[in-house]
Amino acid sequence: LNRYARYLVLGMVAMALSLSWGYAGILNLGQALSFGLGSYCMA
């Protein structure tokens, strides 16, 4: 269940990239920056 929760989180960050890349044409190769900043704030 913990592993599946991890997969859902990764699906969430991929969905975020889809919004900027697929719908606005912005290929953000630094998507992990936002992901990591959020992670460190919680940590």
Full PDB file with SEQRES, HELIX, SHEET, SSBOND, CRYST1, ORIGX, SCALE, CONECT and MASTER records, all heavy atoms in Angstrom:
SEQRES   1 A   43  LEU ASN ARG TYR ALA ARG TYR LEU VAL LEU GLY MET VAL          
SEQRES   2 A   43  ALA MET ALA LEU SER LEU SER TRP GLY TYR ALA GLY ILE          
SEQRES   3 A   43  LEU ASN LEU GLY GLN ALA LEU SER PHE GLY LEU GLY SER          
SEQRES   4 A   43  TYR CYS MET ALA                                              
HELIX    1 AA1 ASN A    2  TRP A   21  1                                  20    
HELIX    2 AA2 GLN A   31  MET A   42  1                                  12    
CRYST1    1.000    1.000    1.000  90.00  90.00  90.00 P 1           1          
ORIGX1      1.000000  0.000000  0.000000        0.00000                         
ORIGX2      0.000000  1.000000  0.000000        0.00000                         
ORIGX3      0.000000  0.000000  1.000000        0.00000                         
SCALE1      1.000000  0.000000  0.000000        0.00000                         
SCALE2      0.000000  1.000000  0.000000        0.00000                         
SCALE3      0.000000  0.000000  1.000000        0.00000                         
ATOM      1  N   LEU A   1       0.831  -1.198   0.000  1.00  0.00           N  
ATOM      2  CA  LEU A   1       0.000   0.000   0.000  1.00  0.00           C  
ATOM      3  C   LEU A   1       0.867   1.251   0.000  1.00  0.00           C  
ATOM      4  O   LEU A   1       0.553   2.240  -0.676  1.00  0.00           O  
ATOM      5  CB  LEU A   1      -0.916  -0.012   1.226  1.00  0.00           C  
ATOM      6  CG  LEU A   1      -2.188   0.834   1.133  1.00  0.00           C  
ATOM      7  CD1 LEU A   1      -3.050   0.375  -0.027  1.00  0.00           C  
ATOM      8  CD2 LEU A   1      -2.965   0.765   2.436  1.00  0.00           C  
ATOM      9  N   ASN A   2       1.969   1.219   0.728  1.00  0.00           N  
ATOM     10  CA  ASN A   2       2.909   2.340   0.724  1.00  0.00           C  
ATOM     11  C   ASN A   2       3.519   2.532  -0.660  1.00  0.00           C  
ATOM     12  O   ASN A   2       3.687   3.653  -1.135  1.00  0.00           O  
ATOM     13  CB  ASN A   2       4.001   2.096   1.767  1.00  0.00           C  
ATOM     14  CG  ASN A   2       5.085   3.158   1.752  1.00  0.00           C  
ATOM     15  OD1 ASN A   2       6.083   3.040   1.041  1.00  0.00           O  
ATOM     16  ND2 ASN A   2       4.898   4.205   2.530  1.00  0.00           N  
ATOM     17  N   ARG A   3       3.846   1.404  -1.312  1.00  0.00           N  
ATOM     18  CA  ARG A   3       4.404   1.483  -2.659  1.00  0.00           C  
ATOM     19  C   ARG A   3       3.400   2.060  -3.636  1.00  0.00           C  
ATOM     20  O   ARG A   3       3.732   2.912  -4.467  1.00  0.00           O  
ATOM     21  CB  ARG A   3       4.839   0.096  -3.122  1.00  0.00           C  
ATOM     22  CG  ARG A   3       5.321   0.064  -4.562  1.00  0.00           C  
ATOM     23  CD  ARG A   3       5.729  -1.327  -4.999  1.00  0.00           C  
ATOM     24  NE  ARG A   3       6.940  -1.766  -4.313  1.00  0.00           N  
ATOM     25  CZ  ARG A   3       7.549  -2.910  -4.585  1.00  0.00           C  
ATOM     26  NH1 ARG A   3       7.056  -3.731  -5.499  1.00  0.00           N  
ATOM     27  NH2 ARG A   3       8.648  -3.234  -3.948  1.00  0.00           N  
ATOM     28  N   TYR A   4       2.142   1.654  -3.545  1.00  0.00           N  
ATOM     29  CA  TYR A   4       1.109   2.173  -4.437  1.00  0.00           C  
ATOM     30  C   TYR A   4       0.878   3.665  -4.198  1.00  0.00           C  
ATOM     31  O   TYR A   4       0.624   4.423  -5.143  1.00  0.00           O  
ATOM     32  CB  TYR A   4      -0.192   1.402  -4.248  1.00  0.00           C  
ATOM     33  CG  TYR A   4      -0.114  -0.049  -4.663  1.00  0.00           C  
ATOM     34  CD1 TYR A   4      -0.976  -1.000  -4.135  1.00  0.00           C  
ATOM     35  CD2 TYR A   4       0.852  -0.485  -5.576  1.00  0.00           C  
ATOM     36  CE1 TYR A   4      -0.900  -2.334  -4.514  1.00  0.00           C  
ATOM     37  CE2 TYR A   4       0.942  -1.812  -5.952  1.00  0.00           C  
ATOM     38  CZ  TYR A   4       0.062  -2.726  -5.420  1.00  0.00           C  
ATOM     39  OH  TYR A   4       0.144  -4.047  -5.796  1.00  0.00           O  
ATOM     40  N   ALA A   5       0.968   4.080  -2.943  1.00  0.00           N  
ATOM     41  CA  ALA A   5       0.839   5.507  -2.637  1.00  0.00           C  
ATOM     42  C   ALA A   5       1.970   6.295  -3.297  1.00  0.00           C  
ATOM     43  O   ALA A   5       1.763   7.401  -3.808  1.00  0.00           O  
ATOM     44  CB  ALA A   5       0.842   5.727  -1.129  1.00  0.00           C  
ATOM     45  N   ARG A   6       3.158   5.700  -3.304  1.00  0.00           N  
ATOM     46  CA  ARG A   6       4.298   6.347  -3.960  1.00  0.00           C  
ATOM     47  C   ARG A   6       4.046   6.478  -5.460  1.00  0.00           C  
ATOM     48  O   ARG A   6       4.358   7.514  -6.062  1.00  0.00           O  
ATOM     49  CB  ARG A   6       5.563   5.535  -3.693  1.00  0.00           C  
ATOM     50  CG  ARG A   6       6.825   6.216  -4.167  1.00  0.00           C  
ATOM     51  CD  ARG A   6       8.043   5.513  -3.644  1.00  0.00           C  
ATOM     52  NE  ARG A   6       8.287   4.242  -4.326  1.00  0.00           N  
ATOM     53  CZ  ARG A   6       8.382   3.073  -3.729  1.00  0.00           C  
ATOM     54  NH1 ARG A   6       8.244   2.981  -2.438  1.00  0.00           N  
ATOM     55  NH2 ARG A   6       8.626   1.971  -4.421  1.00  0.00           N  
ATOM     56  N   TYR A   7       3.471   5.464  -6.072  1.00  0.00           N  
ATOM     57  CA  TYR A   7       3.174   5.521  -7.498  1.00  0.00           C  
ATOM     58  C   TYR A   7       2.140   6.610  -7.803  1.00  0.00           C  
ATOM     59  O   TYR A   7       2.230   7.303  -8.830  1.00  0.00           O  
ATOM     60  CB  TYR A   7       2.646   4.169  -7.985  1.00  0.00           C  
ATOM     61  CG  TYR A   7       3.648   3.035  -7.906  1.00  0.00           C  
ATOM     62  CD1 TYR A   7       3.227   1.706  -7.914  1.00  0.00           C  
ATOM     63  CD2 TYR A   7       5.014   3.287  -7.796  1.00  0.00           C  
ATOM     64  CE1 TYR A   7       4.148   0.662  -7.832  1.00  0.00           C  
ATOM     65  CE2 TYR A   7       5.930   2.255  -7.718  1.00  0.00           C  
ATOM     66  CZ  TYR A   7       5.496   0.940  -7.731  1.00  0.00           C  
ATOM     67  OH  TYR A   7       6.399  -0.081  -7.651  1.00  0.00           O  
ATOM     68  N   LEU A   8       1.173   6.768  -6.906  1.00  0.00           N  
ATOM     69  CA  LEU A   8       0.162   7.810  -7.103  1.00  0.00           C  
ATOM     70  C   LEU A   8       0.790   9.199  -7.068  1.00  0.00           C  
ATOM     71  O   LEU A   8       0.410  10.090  -7.835  1.00  0.00           O  
ATOM     72  CB  LEU A   8      -0.928   7.705  -6.038  1.00  0.00           C  
ATOM     73  CG  LEU A   8      -1.820   6.468  -6.061  1.00  0.00           C  
ATOM     74  CD1 LEU A   8      -2.889   6.569  -4.979  1.00  0.00           C  
ATOM     75  CD2 LEU A   8      -2.478   6.282  -7.424  1.00  0.00           C  
ATOM     76  N   VAL A   9       1.760   9.378  -6.170  1.00  0.00           N  
ATOM     77  CA  VAL A   9       2.442  10.675  -6.090  1.00  0.00           C  
ATOM     78  C   VAL A   9       3.204  10.954  -7.385  1.00  0.00           C  
ATOM     79  O   VAL A   9       3.177  12.079  -7.912  1.00  0.00           O  
ATOM     80  CB  VAL A   9       3.400  10.707  -4.886  1.00  0.00           C  
ATOM     81  CG1 VAL A   9       4.215  11.999  -4.895  1.00  0.00           C  
ATOM     82  CG2 VAL A   9       2.627  10.593  -3.582  1.00  0.00           C  
ATOM     83  N   LEU A  10       3.869   9.938  -7.921  1.00  0.00           N  
ATOM     84  CA  LEU A  10       4.592  10.118  -9.182  1.00  0.00           C  
ATOM     85  C   LEU A  10       3.626  10.411 -10.319  1.00  0.00           C  
ATOM     86  O   LEU A  10       3.931  11.194 -11.224  1.00  0.00           O  
ATOM     87  CB  LEU A  10       5.419   8.866  -9.484  1.00  0.00           C  
ATOM     88  CG  LEU A  10       6.515   8.529  -8.458  1.00  0.00           C  
ATOM     89  CD1 LEU A  10       7.236   7.253  -8.852  1.00  0.00           C  
ATOM     90  CD2 LEU A  10       7.504   9.687  -8.331  1.00  0.00           C  
ATOM     91  N   GLY A  11       2.450   9.782 -10.288  1.00  0.00           N  
ATOM     92  CA  GLY A  11       1.428  10.093 -11.279  1.00  0.00           C  
ATOM     93  C   GLY A  11       0.967  11.535 -11.177  1.00  0.00           C  
ATOM     94  O   GLY A  11       0.677  12.191 -12.177  1.00  0.00           O  
ATOM     95  N   MET A  12       0.932  12.043  -9.962  1.00  0.00           N  
ATOM     96  CA  MET A  12       0.509  13.421  -9.727  1.00  0.00           C  
ATOM     97  C   MET A  12       1.489  14.422 -10.331  1.00  0.00           C  
ATOM     98  O   MET A  12       1.090  15.415 -10.961  1.00  0.00           O  
ATOM     99  CB  MET A  12       0.372  13.628  -8.218  1.00  0.00           C  
ATOM    100  CG  MET A  12      -0.310  14.898  -7.801  1.00  0.00           C  
ATOM    101  SD  MET A  12      -0.601  14.852  -6.014  1.00  0.00           S  
ATOM    102  CE  MET A  12      -1.181  16.528  -5.757  1.00  0.00           C  
ATOM    103  N   VAL A  13       2.788  14.173 -10.157  1.00  0.00           N  
ATOM    104  CA  VAL A  13       3.784  15.106 -10.693  1.00  0.00           C  
ATOM    105  C   VAL A  13       3.843  15.004 -12.221  1.00  0.00           C  
ATOM    106  O   VAL A  13       4.105  16.005 -12.916  1.00  0.00           O  
ATOM    107  CB  VAL A  13       5.162  14.865 -10.049  1.00  0.00           C  
ATOM    108  CG1 VAL A  13       5.787  13.573 -10.507  1.00  0.00           C  
ATOM    109  CG2 VAL A  13       6.110  16.019 -10.329  1.00  0.00           C  
ATOM    110  N   ALA A  14       3.577  13.823 -12.794  1.00  0.00           N  
ATOM    111  CA  ALA A  14       3.513  13.695 -14.248  1.00  0.00           C  
ATOM    112  C   ALA A  14       2.312  14.443 -14.796  1.00  0.00           C  
ATOM    113  O   ALA A  14       2.376  15.065 -15.865  1.00  0.00           O  
ATOM    114  CB  ALA A  14       3.454  12.219 -14.639  1.00  0.00           C  
ATOM    115  N   MET A  15       1.204  14.390 -14.066  1.00  0.00           N  
ATOM    116  CA  MET A  15       0.017  15.139 -14.472  1.00  0.00           C  
ATOM    117  C   MET A  15       0.281  16.642 -14.477  1.00  0.00           C  
ATOM    118  O   MET A  15      -0.196  17.380 -15.345  1.00  0.00           O  
ATOM    119  CB  MET A  15      -1.138  14.796 -13.539  1.00  0.00           C  
ATOM    120  CG  MET A  15      -2.460  15.461 -13.870  1.00  0.00           C  
ATOM    121  SD  MET A  15      -2.726  16.977 -12.926  1.00  0.00           S  
ATOM    122  CE  MET A  15      -2.928  16.315 -11.282  1.00  0.00           C  
ATOM    123  N   ALA A  16       1.071  17.094 -13.499  1.00  0.00           N  
ATOM    124  CA  ALA A  16       1.428  18.511 -13.445  1.00  0.00           C  
ATOM    125  C   ALA A  16       2.225  18.925 -14.679  1.00  0.00           C  
ATOM    126  O   ALA A  16       2.016  20.006 -15.241  1.00  0.00           O  
ATOM    127  CB  ALA A  16       2.225  18.800 -12.176  1.00  0.00           C  
ATOM    128  N   LEU A  17       3.142  18.066 -15.120  1.00  0.00           N  
ATOM    129  CA  LEU A  17       3.912  18.368 -16.326  1.00  0.00           C  
ATOM    130  C   LEU A  17       3.023  18.362 -17.561  1.00  0.00           C  
ATOM    131  O   LEU A  17       3.206  19.169 -18.478  1.00  0.00           O  
ATOM    132  CB  LEU A  17       5.049  17.361 -16.497  1.00  0.00           C  
ATOM    133  CG  LEU A  17       5.910  17.546 -17.745  1.00  0.00           C  
ATOM    134  CD1 LEU A  17       6.611  18.908 -17.721  1.00  0.00           C  
ATOM    135  CD2 LEU A  17       6.935  16.430 -17.881  1.00  0.00           C  
ATOM    136  N   SER A  18       2.032  17.468 -17.584  1.00  0.00           N  
ATOM    137  CA  SER A  18       1.110  17.416 -18.715  1.00  0.00           C  
ATOM    138  C   SER A  18       0.385  18.746 -18.888  1.00  0.00           C  
ATOM    139  O   SER A  18       0.124  19.176 -20.012  1.00  0.00           O  
ATOM    140  CB  SER A  18       0.099  16.286 -18.501  1.00  0.00           C  
ATOM    141  OG  SER A  18      -0.924  16.315 -19.476  1.00  0.00           O  
ATOM    142  N   LEU A  19       0.066  19.394 -17.777  1.00  0.00           N  
ATOM    143  CA  LEU A  19      -0.637  20.678 -17.859  1.00  0.00           C  
ATOM    144  C   LEU A  19       0.199  21.733 -18.561  1.00  0.00           C  
ATOM    145  O   LEU A  19      -0.301  22.477 -19.411  1.00  0.00           O  
ATOM    146  CB  LEU A  19      -1.008  21.145 -16.444  1.00  0.00           C  
ATOM    147  CG  LEU A  19      -1.747  22.476 -16.349  1.00  0.00           C  
ATOM    148  CD1 LEU A  19      -3.112  22.390 -17.013  1.00  0.00           C  
ATOM    149  CD2 LEU A  19      -1.889  22.908 -14.898  1.00  0.00           C  
ATOM    150  N   SER A  20       1.492  21.804 -18.220  1.00  0.00           N  
ATOM    151  CA  SER A  20       2.342  22.839 -18.823  1.00  0.00           C  
ATOM    152  C   SER A  20       2.863  22.445 -20.196  1.00  0.00           C  
ATOM    153  O   SER A  20       2.972  23.275 -21.090  1.00  0.00           O  
ATOM    154  CB  SER A  20       3.520  23.156 -17.894  1.00  0.00           C  
ATOM    155  OG  SER A  20       4.350  22.019 -17.727  1.00  0.00           O  
ATOM    156  N   TRP A  21       3.174  21.167 -20.381  1.00  0.00           N  
ATOM    157  CA  TRP A  21       3.743  20.723 -21.652  1.00  0.00           C  
ATOM    158  C   TRP A  21       2.657  20.391 -22.679  1.00  0.00           C  
ATOM    159  O   TRP A  21       2.681  20.885 -23.806  1.00  0.00           O  
ATOM    160  CB  TRP A  21       4.629  19.500 -21.396  1.00  0.00           C  
ATOM    161  CG  TRP A  21       5.358  18.990 -22.603  1.00  0.00           C  
ATOM    162  CD1 TRP A  21       5.696  19.701 -23.725  1.00  0.00           C  
ATOM    163  CD2 TRP A  21       5.848  17.657 -22.814  1.00  0.00           C  
ATOM    164  NE1 TRP A  21       6.367  18.895 -24.620  1.00  0.00           N  
ATOM    165  CE2 TRP A  21       6.476  17.636 -24.087  1.00  0.00           C  
ATOM    166  CE3 TRP A  21       5.830  16.502 -22.051  1.00  0.00           C  
ATOM    167  CZ2 TRP A  21       7.052  16.483 -24.607  1.00  0.00           C  
ATOM    168  CZ3 TRP A  21       6.420  15.351 -22.561  1.00  0.00           C  
ATOM    169  CH2 TRP A  21       7.029  15.351 -23.835  1.00  0.00           C  
ATOM    170  N   GLY A  22       1.712  19.577 -22.292  1.00  0.00           N  
ATOM    171  CA  GLY A  22       0.700  19.130 -23.241  1.00  0.00           C  
ATOM    172  C   GLY A  22      -0.313  20.186 -23.604  1.00  0.00           C  
ATOM    173  O   GLY A  22      -0.805  20.223 -24.732  1.00  0.00           O  
ATOM    174  N   TYR A  23      -0.646  21.065 -22.663  1.00  0.00           N  
ATOM    175  CA  TYR A  23      -1.696  22.055 -22.909  1.00  0.00           C  
ATOM    176  C   TYR A  23      -1.163  23.443 -23.208  1.00  0.00           C  
ATOM    177  O   TYR A  23      -1.857  24.245 -23.834  1.00  0.00           O  
ATOM    178  CB  TYR A  23      -2.649  22.118 -21.704  1.00  0.00           C  
ATOM    179  CG  TYR A  23      -3.556  20.914 -21.607  1.00  0.00           C  
ATOM    180  CD1 TYR A  23      -3.159  19.772 -20.933  1.00  0.00           C  
ATOM    181  CD2 TYR A  23      -4.800  20.911 -22.217  1.00  0.00           C  
ATOM    182  CE1 TYR A  23      -3.977  18.659 -20.856  1.00  0.00           C  
ATOM    183  CE2 TYR A  23      -5.639  19.808 -22.145  1.00  0.00           C  
ATOM    184  CZ  TYR A  23      -5.221  18.681 -21.460  1.00  0.00           C  
ATOM    185  OH  TYR A  23      -6.032  17.576 -21.401  1.00  0.00           O  
ATOM    186  N   ALA A  24       0.036  23.769 -22.744  1.00  0.00           N  
ATOM    187  CA  ALA A  24       0.588  25.097 -23.000  1.00  0.00           C  
ATOM    188  C   ALA A  24       1.840  25.053 -23.856  1.00  0.00           C  
ATOM    189  O   ALA A  24       2.355  26.106 -24.238  1.00  0.00           O  
ATOM    190  CB  ALA A  24       0.900  25.807 -21.681  1.00  0.00           C  
ATOM    191  N   GLY A  25       2.329  23.866 -24.169  1.00  0.00           N  
ATOM    192  CA  GLY A  25       3.509  23.750 -25.023  1.00  0.00           C  
ATOM    193  C   GLY A  25       4.804  24.128 -24.346  1.00  0.00           C  
ATOM    194  O   GLY A  25       5.788  24.441 -25.022  1.00  0.00           O  
ATOM    195  N   ILE A  26       4.845  24.097 -23.008  1.00  0.00           N  
ATOM    196  CA  ILE A  26       6.054  24.460 -22.268  1.00  0.00           C  
ATOM    197  C   ILE A  26       6.744  23.183 -21.803  1.00  0.00           C  
ATOM    198  O   ILE A  26       6.292  22.537 -20.850  1.00  0.00           O  
ATOM    199  CB  ILE A  26       5.715  25.334 -21.045  1.00  0.00           C  
ATOM    200  CG1 ILE A  26       4.919  26.570 -21.462  1.00  0.00           C  
ATOM    201  CG2 ILE A  26       6.987  25.744 -20.313  1.00  0.00           C  
ATOM    202  CD1 ILE A  26       4.340  27.340 -20.282  1.00  0.00           C  
ATOM    203  N   LEU A  27       7.822  22.806 -22.460  1.00  0.00           N  
ATOM    204  CA  LEU A  27       8.573  21.620 -22.060  1.00  0.00           C  
ATOM    205  C   LEU A  27       9.492  21.984 -20.904  1.00  0.00           C  
ATOM    206  O   LEU A  27      10.568  22.545 -21.093  1.00  0.00           O  
ATOM    207  CB  LEU A  27       9.377  21.067 -23.236  1.00  0.00           C  
ATOM    208  CG  LEU A  27      10.256  19.848 -22.926  1.00  0.00           C  
ATOM    209  CD1 LEU A  27       9.439  18.739 -22.284  1.00  0.00           C  
ATOM    210  CD2 LEU A  27      10.955  19.355 -24.184  1.00  0.00           C  
ATOM    211  N   ASN A  28       9.051  21.665 -19.710  1.00  0.00           N  
ATOM    212  CA  ASN A  28       9.793  21.984 -18.497  1.00  0.00           C  
ATOM    213  C   ASN A  28      10.641  20.779 -18.090  1.00  0.00           C  
ATOM    214  O   ASN A  28      10.141  19.836 -17.474  1.00  0.00           O  
ATOM    215  CB  ASN A  28       8.805  22.357 -17.386  1.00  0.00           C  
ATOM    216  CG  ASN A  28       9.498  22.734 -16.091  1.00  0.00           C  
ATOM    217  OD1 ASN A  28      10.728  22.835 -16.037  1.00  0.00           O  
ATOM    218  ND2 ASN A  28       8.727  22.936 -15.041  1.00  0.00           N  
ATOM    219  N   LEU A  29      11.919  20.817 -18.422  1.00  0.00           N  
ATOM    220  CA  LEU A  29      12.814  19.731 -18.034  1.00  0.00           C  
ATOM    221  C   LEU A  29      13.265  19.839 -16.581  1.00  0.00           C  
ATOM    222  O   LEU A  29      13.988  18.979 -16.106  1.00  0.00           O  
ATOM    223  CB  LEU A  29      14.041  19.710 -18.953  1.00  0.00           C  
ATOM    224  CG  LEU A  29      13.803  19.318 -20.412  1.00  0.00           C  
ATOM    225  CD1 LEU A  29      15.118  19.249 -21.168  1.00  0.00           C  
ATOM    226  CD2 LEU A  29      13.056  17.995 -20.507  1.00  0.00           C  
ATOM    227  N   GLY A  30      12.824  20.876 -15.906  1.00  0.00           N  
ATOM    228  CA  GLY A  30      13.155  21.051 -14.492  1.00  0.00           C  
ATOM    229  C   GLY A  30      11.961  20.839 -13.588  1.00  0.00           C  
ATOM    230  O   GLY A  30      11.869  21.446 -12.516  1.00  0.00           O  
ATOM    231  N   GLN A  31      11.029  19.980 -13.998  1.00  0.00           N  
ATOM    232  CA  GLN A  31       9.828  19.746 -13.202  1.00  0.00           C  
ATOM    233  C   GLN A  31      10.171  19.219 -11.805  1.00  0.00           C  
ATOM    234  O   GLN A  31       9.455  19.483 -10.843  1.00  0.00           O  
ATOM    235  CB  GLN A  31       8.915  18.746 -13.917  1.00  0.00           C  
ATOM    236  CG  GLN A  31       7.565  18.511 -13.252  1.00  0.00           C  
ATOM    237  CD  GLN A  31       6.630  19.701 -13.388  1.00  0.00           C  
ATOM    238  OE1 GLN A  31       6.894  20.641 -14.128  1.00  0.00           O  
ATOM    239  NE2 GLN A  31       5.524  19.677 -12.667  1.00  0.00           N  
ATOM    240  N   ALA A  32      11.267  18.498 -11.684  1.00  0.00           N  
ATOM    241  CA  ALA A  32      11.673  17.969 -10.378  1.00  0.00           C  
ATOM    242  C   ALA A  32      12.050  19.083  -9.405  1.00  0.00           C  
ATOM    243  O   ALA A  32      12.114  18.837  -8.189  1.00  0.00           O  
ATOM    244  CB  ALA A  32      12.845  17.006 -10.541  1.00  0.00           C  
ATOM    245  N   LEU A  33      12.295  20.303  -9.886  1.00  0.00           N  
ATOM    246  CA  LEU A  33      12.631  21.410  -8.996  1.00  0.00           C  
ATOM    247  C   LEU A  33      11.460  21.718  -8.068  1.00  0.00           C  
ATOM    248  O   LEU A  33      11.627  21.807  -6.845  1.00  0.00           O  
ATOM    249  CB  LEU A  33      13.004  22.648  -9.815  1.00  0.00           C  
ATOM    250  CG  LEU A  33      13.246  23.936  -9.020  1.00  0.00           C  
ATOM    251  CD1 LEU A  33      14.392  23.745  -8.029  1.00  0.00           C  
ATOM    252  CD2 LEU A  33      13.533  25.108  -9.955  1.00  0.00           C  
ATOM    253  N   SER A  34      10.267  21.866  -8.630  1.00  0.00           N  
ATOM    254  CA  SER A  34       9.082  22.131  -7.811  1.00  0.00           C  
ATOM    255  C   SER A  34       8.795  20.960  -6.883  1.00  0.00           C  
ATOM    256  O   SER A  34       8.433  21.136  -5.713  1.00  0.00           O  
ATOM    257  CB  SER A  34       7.866  22.396  -8.716  1.00  0.00           C  
ATOM    258  OG  SER A  34       8.096  23.506  -9.559  1.00  0.00           O  
ATOM    259  N   PHE A  35       8.959  19.757  -7.416  1.00  0.00           N  
ATOM    260  CA  PHE A  35       8.740  18.542  -6.638  1.00  0.00           C  
ATOM    261  C   PHE A  35       9.689  18.491  -5.435  1.00  0.00           C  
ATOM    262  O   PHE A  35       9.274  18.223  -4.303  1.00  0.00           O  
ATOM    263  CB  PHE A  35       8.959  17.338  -7.547  1.00  0.00           C  
ATOM    264  CG  PHE A  35       8.722  16.004  -6.898  1.00  0.00           C  
ATOM    265  CD1 PHE A  35       7.436  15.550  -6.661  1.00  0.00           C  
ATOM    266  CD2 PHE A  35       9.788  15.196  -6.543  1.00  0.00           C  
ATOM    267  CE1 PHE A  35       7.220  14.315  -6.071  1.00  0.00           C  
ATOM    268  CE2 PHE A  35       9.580  13.961  -5.955  1.00  0.00           C  
ATOM    269  CZ  PHE A  35       8.288  13.521  -5.720  1.00  0.00           C  
ATOM    270  N   GLY A  36      10.957  18.762  -5.676  1.00  0.00           N  
ATOM    271  CA  GLY A  36      11.944  18.714  -4.606  1.00  0.00           C  
ATOM    272  C   GLY A  36      11.774  19.817  -3.576  1.00  0.00           C  
ATOM    273  O   GLY A  36      11.949  19.592  -2.371  1.00  0.00           O  
ATOM    274  N   LEU A  37      11.423  21.018  -4.020  1.00  0.00           N  
ATOM    275  CA  LEU A  37      11.209  22.117  -3.082  1.00  0.00           C  
ATOM    276  C   LEU A  37      10.044  21.811  -2.147  1.00  0.00           C  
ATOM    277  O   LEU A  37      10.113  22.059  -0.935  1.00  0.00           O  
ATOM    278  CB  LEU A  37      10.949  23.419  -3.843  1.00  0.00           C  
ATOM    279  CG  LEU A  37      12.146  24.020  -4.587  1.00  0.00           C  
ATOM    280  CD1 LEU A  37      11.710  25.240  -5.392  1.00  0.00           C  
ATOM    281  CD2 LEU A  37      13.257  24.394  -3.617  1.00  0.00           C  
ATOM    282  N   GLY A  38       8.966  21.262  -2.695  1.00  0.00           N  
ATOM    283  CA  GLY A  38       7.842  20.869  -1.854  1.00  0.00           C  
ATOM    284  C   GLY A  38       8.238  19.787  -0.864  1.00  0.00           C  
ATOM    285  O   GLY A  38       7.835  19.813   0.312  1.00  0.00           O  
ATOM    286  N   SER A  39       9.051  18.853  -1.325  1.00  0.00           N  
ATOM    287  CA  SER A  39       9.512  17.766  -0.458  1.00  0.00           C  
ATOM    288  C   SER A  39      10.330  18.303   0.705  1.00  0.00           C  
ATOM    289  O   SER A  39      10.130  17.892   1.866  1.00  0.00           O  
ATOM    290  CB  SER A  39      10.342  16.775  -1.283  1.00  0.00           C  
ATOM    291  OG  SER A  39      10.909  15.786  -0.457  1.00  0.00           O  
ATOM    292  N   TYR A  40      11.245  19.206   0.438  1.00  0.00           N  
ATOM    293  CA  TYR A  40      12.100  19.744   1.493  1.00  0.00           C  
ATOM    294  C   TYR A  40      11.316  20.613   2.475  1.00  0.00           C  
ATOM    295  O   TYR A  40      11.623  20.633   3.674  1.00  0.00           O  
ATOM    296  CB  TYR A  40      13.257  20.533   0.889  1.00  0.00           C  
ATOM    297  CG  TYR A  40      14.494  19.681   0.669  1.00  0.00           C  
ATOM    298  CD1 TYR A  40      14.618  18.878  -0.452  1.00  0.00           C  
ATOM    299  CD2 TYR A  40      15.520  19.665   1.600  1.00  0.00           C  
ATOM    300  CE1 TYR A  40      15.739  18.081  -0.650  1.00  0.00           C  
ATOM    301  CE2 TYR A  40      16.655  18.876   1.420  1.00  0.00           C  
ATOM    302  CZ  TYR A  40      16.758  18.079   0.288  1.00  0.00           C  
ATOM    303  OH  TYR A  40      17.864  17.281   0.103  1.00  0.00           O  
ATOM    304  N   CYS A  41      10.321  21.326   1.998  1.00  0.00           N  
ATOM    305  CA  CYS A  41       9.502  22.142   2.908  1.00  0.00           C  
ATOM    306  C   CYS A  41       8.796  21.259   3.935  1.00  0.00           C  
ATOM    307  O   CYS A  41       8.766  21.577   5.132  1.00  0.00           O  
ATOM    308  CB  CYS A  41       8.487  22.953   2.117  1.00  0.00           C  
ATOM    309  SG  CYS A  41       9.182  24.363   1.211  1.00  0.00           S  
ATOM    310  N   MET A  42       8.228  20.153   3.472  1.00  0.00           N  
ATOM    311  CA  MET A  42       7.569  19.238   4.394  1.00  0.00           C  
ATOM    312  C   MET A  42       8.586  18.562   5.316  1.00  0.00           C  
ATOM    313  O   MET A  42       8.340  18.396   6.519  1.00  0.00           O  
ATOM    314  CB  MET A  42       6.788  18.183   3.612  1.00  0.00           C  
ATOM    315  CG  MET A  42       6.099  17.133   4.477  1.00  0.00           C  
ATOM    316  SD  MET A  42       4.939  17.847   5.686  1.00  0.00           S  
ATOM    317  CE  MET A  42       3.656  18.476   4.602  1.00  0.00           C  
ATOM    318  N   ALA A  43       9.744  18.178   4.769  1.00  0.00           N  
ATOM    319  CA  ALA A  43      10.760  17.505   5.574  1.00  0.00           C  
ATOM    320  C   ALA A  43      11.284  18.411   6.692  1.00  0.00           C  
ATOM    321  O   ALA A  43      11.546  17.950   7.810  1.00  0.00           O  
ATOM    322  CB  ALA A  43      11.917  17.054   4.684  1.00  0.00           C  
TER     323      ALA A  43                                                      
MASTER        0    0    0    2    0    0    0    6  322    1    0    4          
END                                                                             
